[in-house]
């Protein structure tokens, strides 16, 4: 049997403590976004879940830790599928950037199709979506570089470290999305 590469116990403990602190900070950030979305009468589509593609298998250690956190928001008190939704994603290791980044915005679906597999494979994909090439996108910007099910997709982005308080989250994330607080009227069955 080969020697295990973990040869510095103190460093290992420091790394684990750092990850714990990082995840607590991300939790605070996601809670701040959730509170802002609640003020717009929106709630998370998946309840309190914020990541999905994790593994407990011995053979997949790169998936033991989440690399992407996501929140998708739909109108409160209604379990119907909506054409338009808001989102907030955190990418810890985006493939085209050298720092963790958060993106947020809105999307409108063309039709009712199984939503999660497309969201997971194309938007939450390992390393982030192909359109995510700048850490800072100041205002909501439309992109066509998304799956065909989206009629419209727009996003803004910031380095994760810039979203360091509830006030910043309110200003950068919630207020720009507040113009969509009426998107509850766009139901899937209203689509052509």
N, C-alpha and C. Protein backbone atom coordinates (compact mmCIF):
# COMPACT_ATOMS: atom_id res chain seq x y z
N UNK A 1 0.84 -1.18 0.00
CA UNK A 1 0.00 0.00 0.00
C UNK A 1 0.89 1.25 0.00
N UNK A 2 0.54 2.21 -0.84
CA UNK A 2 1.28 3.46 -0.90
C UNK A 2 1.03 4.31 0.34
N UNK A 3 1.99 5.18 0.64
CA UNK A 3 1.80 6.11 1.74
C UNK A 3 0.72 7.12 1.37
N UNK A 4 -0.08 7.46 2.32
CA UNK A 4 -1.13 8.45 2.08
C UNK A 4 -0.51 9.84 1.93
N UNK A 5 -1.04 10.66 1.02
CA UNK A 5 -0.46 11.99 0.80
C UNK A 5 -0.77 12.99 1.92
N UNK A 6 -1.61 12.61 2.86
CA UNK A 6 -1.93 13.52 3.97
C UNK A 6 -0.80 13.41 4.98
N UNK A 7 0.18 14.30 4.86
CA UNK A 7 1.35 14.21 5.72
C UNK A 7 1.48 15.40 6.66
N UNK A 8 0.47 16.25 6.68
CA UNK A 8 0.52 17.40 7.56
C UNK A 8 -0.84 17.54 8.23
N UNK A 9 -0.98 16.92 9.39
CA UNK A 9 -2.26 16.92 10.10
C UNK A 9 -2.76 18.31 10.43
N UNK A 10 -1.86 19.21 10.86
CA UNK A 10 -2.28 20.57 11.21
C UNK A 10 -2.82 21.31 9.98
N UNK A 11 -2.16 21.15 8.84
CA UNK A 11 -2.61 21.80 7.61
C UNK A 11 -3.98 21.27 7.19
N UNK A 12 -4.18 19.96 7.35
CA UNK A 12 -5.46 19.36 7.01
C UNK A 12 -6.57 19.96 7.86
N UNK A 13 -6.33 20.10 9.15
CA UNK A 13 -7.33 20.69 10.05
C UNK A 13 -7.60 22.14 9.65
N UNK A 14 -6.57 22.89 9.29
CA UNK A 14 -6.75 24.29 8.87
C UNK A 14 -7.60 24.37 7.61
N UNK A 15 -7.37 23.47 6.67
CA UNK A 15 -8.16 23.45 5.43
C UNK A 15 -9.62 23.16 5.74
N UNK A 16 -9.88 22.18 6.56
CA UNK A 16 -11.26 21.83 6.93
C UNK A 16 -11.92 23.00 7.64
N UNK A 17 -11.21 23.66 8.54
CA UNK A 17 -11.76 24.83 9.24
C UNK A 17 -12.04 25.97 8.25
N UNK A 18 -11.16 26.16 7.27
CA UNK A 18 -11.38 27.18 6.25
C UNK A 18 -12.65 26.88 5.46
N UNK A 19 -12.80 25.62 5.04
CA UNK A 19 -13.99 25.23 4.28
C UNK A 19 -15.25 25.43 5.12
N UNK A 20 -15.21 25.06 6.39
CA UNK A 20 -16.36 25.30 7.28
C UNK A 20 -16.71 26.78 7.32
N UNK A 21 -15.71 27.64 7.46
CA UNK A 21 -15.95 29.09 7.51
C UNK A 21 -16.49 29.59 6.18
N UNK A 22 -15.92 29.11 5.07
CA UNK A 22 -16.40 29.50 3.75
C UNK A 22 -17.87 29.12 3.58
N UNK A 23 -18.23 27.90 3.95
CA UNK A 23 -19.62 27.46 3.80
C UNK A 23 -20.56 28.25 4.72
N UNK A 24 -20.11 28.63 5.90
CA UNK A 24 -20.94 29.49 6.77
C UNK A 24 -21.16 30.84 6.11
N UNK A 25 -20.10 31.40 5.50
CA UNK A 25 -20.25 32.69 4.81
C UNK A 25 -21.21 32.57 3.63
N UNK A 26 -21.11 31.49 2.88
CA UNK A 26 -22.03 31.29 1.75
C UNK A 26 -23.46 31.11 2.26
N UNK A 27 -23.62 30.42 3.36
CA UNK A 27 -24.95 30.27 3.96
C UNK A 27 -25.54 31.63 4.33
N UNK A 28 -24.74 32.50 4.94
CA UNK A 28 -25.21 33.84 5.28
C UNK A 28 -25.60 34.61 4.01
N UNK A 29 -24.78 34.48 2.97
CA UNK A 29 -25.08 35.15 1.70
C UNK A 29 -26.39 34.64 1.12
N UNK A 30 -26.56 33.32 1.06
CA UNK A 30 -27.79 32.76 0.50
C UNK A 30 -29.01 33.15 1.32
N UNK A 31 -28.86 33.21 2.64
CA UNK A 31 -29.97 33.66 3.49
C UNK A 31 -30.31 35.11 3.23
N UNK A 32 -29.30 35.95 3.01
CA UNK A 32 -29.56 37.37 2.71
C UNK A 32 -30.31 37.49 1.38
N UNK A 33 -29.91 36.70 0.38
CA UNK A 33 -30.62 36.72 -0.90
C UNK A 33 -32.05 36.21 -0.72
N UNK A 34 -32.21 35.10 0.03
CA UNK A 34 -33.55 34.57 0.28
C UNK A 34 -34.45 35.62 0.92
N UNK A 35 -33.94 36.34 1.91
CA UNK A 35 -34.75 37.38 2.57
C UNK A 35 -35.13 38.48 1.59
N UNK A 36 -34.21 38.85 0.73
CA UNK A 36 -34.53 39.85 -0.29
C UNK A 36 -35.58 39.35 -1.26
N UNK A 37 -35.47 38.10 -1.66
CA UNK A 37 -36.46 37.53 -2.58
C UNK A 37 -37.83 37.43 -1.90
N UNK A 38 -37.83 37.12 -0.60
CA UNK A 38 -39.11 37.08 0.13
C UNK A 38 -39.77 38.45 0.12
N UNK A 39 -38.98 39.51 0.18
CA UNK A 39 -39.55 40.87 0.13
C UNK A 39 -40.20 41.14 -1.23
N UNK A 40 -39.82 40.37 -2.25
CA UNK A 40 -40.42 40.48 -3.58
C UNK A 40 -41.52 39.44 -3.79
N UNK A 41 -41.90 38.75 -2.71
CA UNK A 41 -42.91 37.68 -2.75
C UNK A 41 -42.46 36.50 -3.60
N UNK A 42 -41.17 36.21 -3.54
CA UNK A 42 -40.61 35.05 -4.24
C UNK A 42 -40.02 34.09 -3.20
N UNK A 43 -40.03 32.81 -3.54
CA UNK A 43 -39.49 31.79 -2.64
C UNK A 43 -38.67 30.80 -3.44
N UNK A 44 -37.81 30.08 -2.78
CA UNK A 44 -36.97 29.11 -3.47
C UNK A 44 -37.79 27.94 -4.00
N UNK A 45 -37.56 27.60 -5.24
CA UNK A 45 -38.24 26.49 -5.88
C UNK A 45 -37.94 25.17 -5.17
N UNK A 46 -36.73 25.03 -4.62
CA UNK A 46 -36.31 23.77 -4.01
C UNK A 46 -36.20 23.87 -2.49
N UNK A 47 -36.99 24.71 -1.87
CA UNK A 47 -36.97 24.83 -0.41
C UNK A 47 -35.61 25.29 0.06
N UNK A 48 -35.05 24.59 1.03
CA UNK A 48 -33.77 25.01 1.59
C UNK A 48 -32.57 24.40 0.88
N UNK A 49 -32.79 23.51 -0.08
CA UNK A 49 -31.67 22.89 -0.81
C UNK A 49 -30.92 23.94 -1.62
N UNK A 50 -29.59 23.84 -1.63
CA UNK A 50 -28.81 24.82 -2.38
C UNK A 50 -27.71 24.19 -3.24
N UNK A 51 -27.53 22.88 -3.15
CA UNK A 51 -26.65 22.20 -4.09
C UNK A 51 -27.14 20.77 -4.28
N UNK A 52 -26.76 20.19 -5.43
CA UNK A 52 -27.34 18.91 -5.78
C UNK A 52 -26.33 17.86 -6.21
N UNK A 53 -25.41 18.18 -7.06
CA UNK A 53 -24.52 17.18 -7.65
C UNK A 53 -23.36 16.84 -6.73
N UNK A 54 -23.67 16.17 -5.66
CA UNK A 54 -22.64 15.74 -4.72
C UNK A 54 -22.60 14.22 -4.71
N UNK A 55 -21.47 13.70 -4.29
CA UNK A 55 -21.29 12.27 -4.25
C UNK A 55 -20.74 11.85 -2.90
N UNK A 56 -21.12 10.67 -2.49
CA UNK A 56 -20.54 10.07 -1.28
C UNK A 56 -19.69 8.87 -1.65
N UNK A 57 -19.53 8.64 -2.94
CA UNK A 57 -18.80 7.47 -3.43
C UNK A 57 -17.29 7.66 -3.28
N UNK A 58 -16.63 6.60 -2.87
CA UNK A 58 -15.18 6.62 -2.69
C UNK A 58 -14.47 6.99 -4.00
N UNK A 59 -15.01 6.56 -5.12
CA UNK A 59 -14.36 6.78 -6.41
C UNK A 59 -14.53 8.19 -6.97
N UNK A 60 -15.35 9.02 -6.35
CA UNK A 60 -15.61 10.36 -6.89
C UNK A 60 -15.28 11.46 -5.87
N UNK A 61 -14.06 11.55 -5.40
CA UNK A 61 -13.74 12.54 -4.36
C UNK A 61 -13.90 13.98 -4.81
N UNK A 62 -13.78 14.25 -6.11
CA UNK A 62 -13.94 15.65 -6.57
C UNK A 62 -15.37 16.13 -6.39
N UNK A 63 -16.31 15.20 -6.22
CA UNK A 63 -17.71 15.57 -6.00
C UNK A 63 -18.13 15.50 -4.54
N UNK A 64 -17.21 15.27 -3.64
CA UNK A 64 -17.55 15.24 -2.22
C UNK A 64 -17.92 16.62 -1.72
N UNK A 65 -17.37 17.63 -2.31
CA UNK A 65 -17.62 19.00 -1.89
C UNK A 65 -18.36 19.74 -3.01
N UNK A 66 -19.41 20.48 -2.69
CA UNK A 66 -20.09 21.23 -3.75
C UNK A 66 -19.19 22.33 -4.31
N UNK A 67 -19.30 22.52 -5.61
CA UNK A 67 -18.57 23.58 -6.29
C UNK A 67 -19.50 24.70 -6.73
N UNK A 68 -20.82 24.41 -6.72
CA UNK A 68 -21.83 25.36 -7.16
C UNK A 68 -23.00 25.32 -6.19
N UNK A 69 -23.49 26.50 -5.83
CA UNK A 69 -24.69 26.63 -5.01
C UNK A 69 -25.72 27.38 -5.84
N UNK A 70 -26.97 26.96 -5.76
CA UNK A 70 -28.00 27.59 -6.59
C UNK A 70 -29.28 27.82 -5.80
N UNK A 71 -29.95 28.89 -6.14
CA UNK A 71 -31.28 29.19 -5.63
C UNK A 71 -32.09 29.66 -6.84
N UNK A 72 -33.25 29.05 -7.04
CA UNK A 72 -34.17 29.46 -8.10
C UNK A 72 -35.44 29.92 -7.41
N UNK A 73 -35.93 31.10 -7.77
CA UNK A 73 -37.04 31.72 -7.06
C UNK A 73 -38.27 31.85 -7.94
N UNK A 74 -39.40 31.47 -7.36
CA UNK A 74 -40.70 31.54 -8.02
C UNK A 74 -41.68 32.22 -7.06
N UNK A 75 -42.86 32.61 -7.53
CA UNK A 75 -43.81 33.28 -6.64
C UNK A 75 -44.21 32.44 -5.42
N UNK A 76 -44.38 33.10 -4.31
CA UNK A 76 -44.77 32.46 -3.05
C UNK A 76 -46.19 31.92 -3.16
N UNK A 77 -46.48 30.86 -2.40
CA UNK A 77 -47.84 30.32 -2.24
C UNK A 77 -48.48 29.86 -3.54
N UNK A 78 -47.68 29.36 -4.43
CA UNK A 78 -48.27 28.81 -5.64
C UNK A 78 -47.31 27.77 -6.19
N UNK A 79 -47.77 26.54 -6.34
CA UNK A 79 -46.88 25.48 -6.79
C UNK A 79 -46.95 25.23 -8.29
N UNK A 80 -47.53 26.16 -9.02
CA UNK A 80 -47.62 26.01 -10.47
C UNK A 80 -46.27 26.33 -11.09
N UNK A 81 -46.05 25.81 -12.28
CA UNK A 81 -44.80 26.11 -12.98
C UNK A 81 -44.91 27.47 -13.67
N UNK A 82 -43.92 28.27 -13.46
CA UNK A 82 -43.90 29.60 -14.05
C UNK A 82 -42.92 29.66 -15.19
N UNK A 83 -43.27 30.46 -16.18
CA UNK A 83 -42.38 30.63 -17.32
C UNK A 83 -41.14 31.43 -16.91
N UNK A 84 -41.31 32.43 -16.07
CA UNK A 84 -40.19 33.28 -15.68
C UNK A 84 -39.82 33.01 -14.23
N UNK A 85 -38.53 33.06 -13.93
CA UNK A 85 -38.06 32.86 -12.58
C UNK A 85 -36.79 33.67 -12.37
N UNK A 86 -36.47 33.89 -11.12
CA UNK A 86 -35.22 34.56 -10.76
C UNK A 86 -34.26 33.50 -10.22
N UNK A 87 -32.98 33.81 -10.23
CA UNK A 87 -32.00 32.85 -9.73
C UNK A 87 -30.81 33.57 -9.11
N UNK A 88 -30.08 32.84 -8.29
CA UNK A 88 -28.83 33.30 -7.69
C UNK A 88 -27.93 32.08 -7.56
N UNK A 89 -26.76 32.12 -8.19
CA UNK A 89 -25.82 31.00 -8.18
C UNK A 89 -24.46 31.45 -7.69
N UNK A 90 -23.78 30.59 -6.97
CA UNK A 90 -22.40 30.81 -6.54
C UNK A 90 -21.55 29.72 -7.16
N UNK A 91 -20.49 30.12 -7.86
CA UNK A 91 -19.54 29.19 -8.46
C UNK A 91 -18.21 29.33 -7.73
N UNK A 92 -17.79 28.29 -7.03
CA UNK A 92 -16.53 28.36 -6.28
C UNK A 92 -15.31 28.20 -7.17
N UNK A 93 -15.45 27.49 -8.27
CA UNK A 93 -14.29 27.28 -9.16
C UNK A 93 -14.71 27.39 -10.62
N UNK A 94 -15.11 28.60 -11.05
CA UNK A 94 -15.54 28.77 -12.45
C UNK A 94 -14.38 28.51 -13.42
N UNK A 95 -14.67 27.79 -14.50
CA UNK A 95 -13.61 27.33 -15.39
C UNK A 95 -12.91 28.46 -16.15
N UNK A 96 -13.58 29.57 -16.40
CA UNK A 96 -12.97 30.64 -17.18
C UNK A 96 -12.49 31.82 -16.32
N UNK A 97 -12.56 31.68 -15.00
CA UNK A 97 -12.19 32.78 -14.11
C UNK A 97 -11.23 32.26 -13.04
N UNK A 98 -10.56 33.19 -12.39
CA UNK A 98 -9.59 32.77 -11.37
C UNK A 98 -10.03 33.11 -9.96
N UNK A 99 -11.33 33.26 -9.77
CA UNK A 99 -11.86 33.53 -8.43
C UNK A 99 -13.32 33.10 -8.37
N UNK A 100 -13.81 32.80 -7.16
CA UNK A 100 -15.22 32.45 -7.01
C UNK A 100 -16.10 33.64 -7.41
N UNK A 101 -17.25 33.33 -7.99
CA UNK A 101 -18.14 34.39 -8.49
C UNK A 101 -19.59 34.00 -8.22
N UNK A 102 -20.43 35.02 -8.07
CA UNK A 102 -21.88 34.82 -7.96
C UNK A 102 -22.54 35.45 -9.17
N UNK A 103 -23.58 34.81 -9.67
CA UNK A 103 -24.39 35.41 -10.73
C UNK A 103 -25.85 35.37 -10.29
N UNK A 104 -26.62 36.32 -10.79
CA UNK A 104 -28.05 36.37 -10.49
C UNK A 104 -28.76 36.99 -11.68
N UNK A 105 -30.04 36.71 -11.77
CA UNK A 105 -30.79 37.28 -12.88
C UNK A 105 -32.16 36.65 -13.00
N UNK A 106 -32.68 36.71 -14.23
CA UNK A 106 -33.98 36.12 -14.52
C UNK A 106 -33.88 35.33 -15.81
N UNK A 107 -34.79 34.40 -15.94
CA UNK A 107 -34.88 33.61 -17.16
C UNK A 107 -36.35 33.38 -17.46
N UNK A 108 -36.64 33.18 -18.72
CA UNK A 108 -38.00 32.87 -19.15
C UNK A 108 -37.93 31.63 -20.03
N UNK A 109 -38.72 30.64 -19.66
CA UNK A 109 -38.74 29.40 -20.43
C UNK A 109 -39.73 29.51 -21.59
N UNK A 110 -39.40 28.87 -22.69
CA UNK A 110 -40.29 28.84 -23.86
C UNK A 110 -41.46 27.88 -23.64
N UNK A 111 -41.18 26.79 -22.96
CA UNK A 111 -42.20 25.75 -22.79
C UNK A 111 -41.93 24.98 -21.51
N UNK A 112 -42.93 24.26 -21.10
CA UNK A 112 -42.80 23.44 -19.90
C UNK A 112 -42.10 22.14 -20.26
N UNK A 113 -40.87 22.02 -19.81
CA UNK A 113 -40.09 20.78 -19.99
C UNK A 113 -39.44 20.48 -18.65
N UNK A 114 -38.91 19.30 -18.52
CA UNK A 114 -38.20 18.95 -17.29
C UNK A 114 -37.08 19.97 -17.08
N UNK A 115 -37.20 20.74 -16.04
CA UNK A 115 -36.34 21.90 -15.83
C UNK A 115 -34.99 21.55 -15.20
N UNK A 116 -34.99 20.75 -14.14
CA UNK A 116 -33.77 20.54 -13.38
C UNK A 116 -32.61 19.94 -14.19
N UNK A 117 -32.82 18.90 -14.99
CA UNK A 117 -31.66 18.35 -15.72
C UNK A 117 -30.95 19.37 -16.60
N UNK A 118 -31.72 20.24 -17.24
CA UNK A 118 -31.11 21.26 -18.10
C UNK A 118 -30.39 22.29 -17.24
N UNK A 119 -31.02 22.72 -16.16
CA UNK A 119 -30.39 23.69 -15.25
C UNK A 119 -29.09 23.10 -14.69
N UNK A 120 -29.14 21.86 -14.28
CA UNK A 120 -27.98 21.22 -13.68
C UNK A 120 -26.85 21.02 -14.70
N UNK A 121 -27.17 20.53 -15.87
CA UNK A 121 -26.14 20.19 -16.85
C UNK A 121 -25.57 21.38 -17.60
N UNK A 122 -26.34 22.45 -17.77
CA UNK A 122 -25.85 23.56 -18.58
C UNK A 122 -25.55 24.82 -17.78
N UNK A 123 -26.30 25.10 -16.74
CA UNK A 123 -26.10 26.33 -15.97
C UNK A 123 -25.23 26.04 -14.73
N UNK A 124 -25.48 24.91 -14.09
CA UNK A 124 -24.69 24.56 -12.91
C UNK A 124 -23.51 23.67 -13.25
N UNK A 125 -23.30 23.41 -14.51
CA UNK A 125 -22.25 22.49 -14.95
C UNK A 125 -20.93 22.76 -14.24
N UNK A 126 -20.17 21.71 -14.09
CA UNK A 126 -18.87 21.83 -13.44
C UNK A 126 -18.09 22.99 -14.06
N UNK A 127 -17.72 23.91 -13.25
CA UNK A 127 -16.98 25.07 -13.74
C UNK A 127 -17.84 26.20 -14.23
N UNK A 128 -19.14 26.03 -14.19
CA UNK A 128 -20.04 27.11 -14.57
C UNK A 128 -20.44 27.09 -16.03
N UNK A 129 -21.39 27.92 -16.40
CA UNK A 129 -21.88 27.96 -17.78
C UNK A 129 -20.84 28.59 -18.71
N UNK A 130 -20.95 28.27 -19.99
CA UNK A 130 -19.97 28.76 -20.97
C UNK A 130 -19.98 30.28 -21.09
N UNK A 131 -21.11 30.93 -20.81
CA UNK A 131 -21.16 32.39 -20.95
C UNK A 131 -20.45 33.12 -19.81
N UNK A 132 -20.13 32.43 -18.73
CA UNK A 132 -19.54 33.08 -17.56
C UNK A 132 -18.03 33.27 -17.77
N UNK A 133 -17.67 34.41 -18.36
CA UNK A 133 -16.27 34.69 -18.69
C UNK A 133 -15.74 35.96 -18.03
N UNK A 134 -16.63 36.69 -17.34
CA UNK A 134 -16.22 37.90 -16.60
C UNK A 134 -16.72 37.78 -15.17
N UNK A 135 -15.87 38.15 -14.23
CA UNK A 135 -16.27 38.10 -12.82
C UNK A 135 -17.22 39.24 -12.48
N UNK A 136 -17.15 40.33 -13.22
CA UNK A 136 -18.03 41.47 -12.97
C UNK A 136 -18.85 41.78 -14.20
N UNK A 137 -20.16 41.66 -14.06
CA UNK A 137 -21.12 42.10 -15.07
C UNK A 137 -22.05 43.02 -14.31
N UNK A 138 -21.91 44.33 -14.54
CA UNK A 138 -22.54 45.33 -13.69
C UNK A 138 -24.05 45.34 -13.68
N UNK A 139 -24.66 45.16 -14.84
CA UNK A 139 -26.12 45.22 -14.87
C UNK A 139 -26.63 43.96 -15.55
N UNK A 140 -27.92 43.70 -15.37
CA UNK A 140 -28.52 42.52 -15.98
C UNK A 140 -28.30 42.55 -17.49
N UNK A 141 -27.64 41.53 -18.00
CA UNK A 141 -27.22 41.47 -19.39
C UNK A 141 -27.77 40.21 -20.02
N UNK A 142 -28.43 40.36 -21.16
CA UNK A 142 -28.99 39.20 -21.85
C UNK A 142 -27.87 38.40 -22.52
N UNK A 143 -28.04 37.09 -22.53
CA UNK A 143 -27.13 36.21 -23.25
C UNK A 143 -27.94 35.17 -23.99
N UNK A 144 -27.47 34.83 -25.18
CA UNK A 144 -28.13 33.79 -25.97
C UNK A 144 -27.39 32.46 -25.82
N UNK A 145 -26.29 32.46 -25.10
CA UNK A 145 -25.47 31.27 -24.93
C UNK A 145 -26.03 30.39 -23.80
N UNK A 146 -27.29 29.99 -23.96
CA UNK A 146 -27.99 29.16 -22.97
C UNK A 146 -28.81 28.12 -23.72
N UNK A 147 -29.30 27.09 -23.03
CA UNK A 147 -30.11 26.07 -23.71
C UNK A 147 -31.35 26.66 -24.38
N UNK A 148 -31.81 25.98 -25.42
CA UNK A 148 -32.95 26.45 -26.21
C UNK A 148 -34.24 26.62 -25.43
N UNK A 149 -34.37 25.94 -24.30
CA UNK A 149 -35.64 26.07 -23.56
C UNK A 149 -35.83 27.48 -23.03
N UNK A 150 -34.78 28.28 -23.00
CA UNK A 150 -34.90 29.64 -22.49
C UNK A 150 -35.16 30.62 -23.63
N UNK A 151 -36.27 31.30 -23.52
CA UNK A 151 -36.59 32.36 -24.47
C UNK A 151 -35.75 33.59 -24.16
N UNK A 152 -35.51 33.79 -22.88
CA UNK A 152 -34.76 34.96 -22.43
C UNK A 152 -33.95 34.55 -21.20
N UNK A 153 -32.72 35.02 -21.12
CA UNK A 153 -31.87 34.73 -19.97
C UNK A 153 -30.95 35.93 -19.78
N UNK A 154 -31.03 36.54 -18.61
CA UNK A 154 -30.16 37.67 -18.33
C UNK A 154 -29.55 37.51 -16.95
N UNK A 155 -28.35 38.04 -16.80
CA UNK A 155 -27.64 37.86 -15.54
C UNK A 155 -26.70 39.03 -15.28
N UNK A 156 -26.34 39.17 -14.02
CA UNK A 156 -25.28 40.07 -13.58
C UNK A 156 -24.33 39.21 -12.76
N UNK A 157 -23.12 39.69 -12.52
CA UNK A 157 -22.13 38.89 -11.80
C UNK A 157 -21.21 39.77 -10.98
N UNK A 158 -20.69 39.19 -9.92
CA UNK A 158 -19.70 39.85 -9.07
C UNK A 158 -18.78 38.80 -8.46
N UNK A 159 -17.54 39.15 -8.22
CA UNK A 159 -16.70 38.25 -7.44
C UNK A 159 -17.37 38.00 -6.09
N UNK A 160 -17.31 36.78 -5.62
CA UNK A 160 -17.99 36.40 -4.39
C UNK A 160 -17.60 37.30 -3.23
N UNK A 161 -16.33 37.67 -3.15
CA UNK A 161 -15.86 38.49 -2.02
C UNK A 161 -16.49 39.88 -1.98
N UNK A 162 -17.05 40.34 -3.09
CA UNK A 162 -17.69 41.66 -3.10
C UNK A 162 -19.07 41.65 -2.45
N UNK A 163 -19.66 40.49 -2.32
CA UNK A 163 -21.01 40.38 -1.74
C UNK A 163 -20.87 40.09 -0.24
N UNK A 164 -20.38 41.08 0.48
CA UNK A 164 -19.94 40.87 1.86
C UNK A 164 -20.89 41.39 2.93
N UNK A 165 -22.07 41.86 2.55
CA UNK A 165 -23.03 42.31 3.56
C UNK A 165 -24.44 42.27 2.99
N UNK A 166 -25.42 42.27 3.89
CA UNK A 166 -26.83 42.28 3.47
C UNK A 166 -27.15 43.55 2.68
N UNK A 167 -26.54 44.67 3.04
CA UNK A 167 -26.78 45.91 2.30
C UNK A 167 -26.28 45.81 0.87
N UNK A 168 -25.10 45.23 0.68
CA UNK A 168 -24.56 45.05 -0.67
C UNK A 168 -25.45 44.12 -1.47
N UNK A 169 -25.90 43.03 -0.85
CA UNK A 169 -26.80 42.08 -1.53
C UNK A 169 -28.09 42.79 -1.93
N UNK A 170 -28.62 43.60 -1.05
CA UNK A 170 -29.85 44.32 -1.36
C UNK A 170 -29.65 45.24 -2.56
N UNK A 171 -28.55 45.98 -2.56
CA UNK A 171 -28.28 46.95 -3.63
C UNK A 171 -27.96 46.27 -4.96
N UNK A 172 -27.07 45.29 -4.94
CA UNK A 172 -26.59 44.69 -6.19
C UNK A 172 -27.50 43.60 -6.74
N UNK A 173 -28.13 42.83 -5.84
CA UNK A 173 -28.89 41.67 -6.28
C UNK A 173 -30.40 41.92 -6.24
N UNK A 174 -30.92 42.26 -5.08
CA UNK A 174 -32.37 42.33 -4.89
C UNK A 174 -33.00 43.50 -5.64
N UNK A 175 -32.45 44.70 -5.50
CA UNK A 175 -33.06 45.87 -6.15
C UNK A 175 -33.16 45.73 -7.67
N UNK A 176 -32.10 45.27 -8.36
CA UNK A 176 -32.27 45.09 -9.82
C UNK A 176 -33.33 44.05 -10.18
N UNK A 177 -33.53 43.05 -9.33
CA UNK A 177 -34.54 42.04 -9.62
C UNK A 177 -35.94 42.49 -9.23
N UNK A 178 -36.05 43.56 -8.46
CA UNK A 178 -37.37 44.01 -8.00
C UNK A 178 -38.26 44.44 -9.16
N UNK A 179 -37.69 44.82 -10.28
CA UNK A 179 -38.52 45.20 -11.43
C UNK A 179 -39.28 44.00 -11.98
N UNK A 180 -38.89 42.80 -11.56
CA UNK A 180 -39.56 41.60 -12.01
C UNK A 180 -40.53 41.05 -10.98
N UNK A 181 -40.83 41.83 -9.97
CA UNK A 181 -41.70 41.31 -8.91
C UNK A 181 -43.10 41.00 -9.43
N UNK A 182 -43.43 41.46 -10.62
CA UNK A 182 -44.74 41.16 -11.19
C UNK A 182 -44.70 39.96 -12.14
N UNK A 183 -43.57 39.25 -12.19
CA UNK A 183 -43.50 38.18 -13.17
C UNK A 183 -44.33 36.97 -12.81
N UNK A 184 -45.02 37.01 -11.67
CA UNK A 184 -45.95 35.94 -11.33
C UNK A 184 -47.08 35.84 -12.35
N UNK A 185 -47.32 36.90 -13.10
CA UNK A 185 -48.42 36.87 -14.06
C UNK A 185 -48.07 36.06 -15.31
N UNK A 186 -46.80 35.73 -15.50
CA UNK A 186 -46.40 34.99 -16.69
C UNK A 186 -46.40 33.51 -16.39
N UNK A 187 -47.50 32.88 -16.60
CA UNK A 187 -47.64 31.45 -16.35
C UNK A 187 -47.24 30.65 -17.58
N UNK A 188 -46.83 29.42 -17.36
CA UNK A 188 -46.47 28.55 -18.49
C UNK A 188 -47.62 28.47 -19.48
N UNK A 189 -48.85 28.31 -18.99
CA UNK A 189 -49.96 28.15 -19.95
C UNK A 189 -50.24 29.43 -20.74
N UNK A 190 -49.64 30.54 -20.33
CA UNK A 190 -49.80 31.78 -21.08
C UNK A 190 -48.81 31.87 -22.25
N UNK A 191 -47.88 30.93 -22.32
CA UNK A 191 -46.91 30.96 -23.40
C UNK A 191 -47.55 30.52 -24.70
N UNK A 192 -47.05 31.05 -25.82
CA UNK A 192 -47.64 30.65 -27.12
C UNK A 192 -47.39 29.19 -27.43
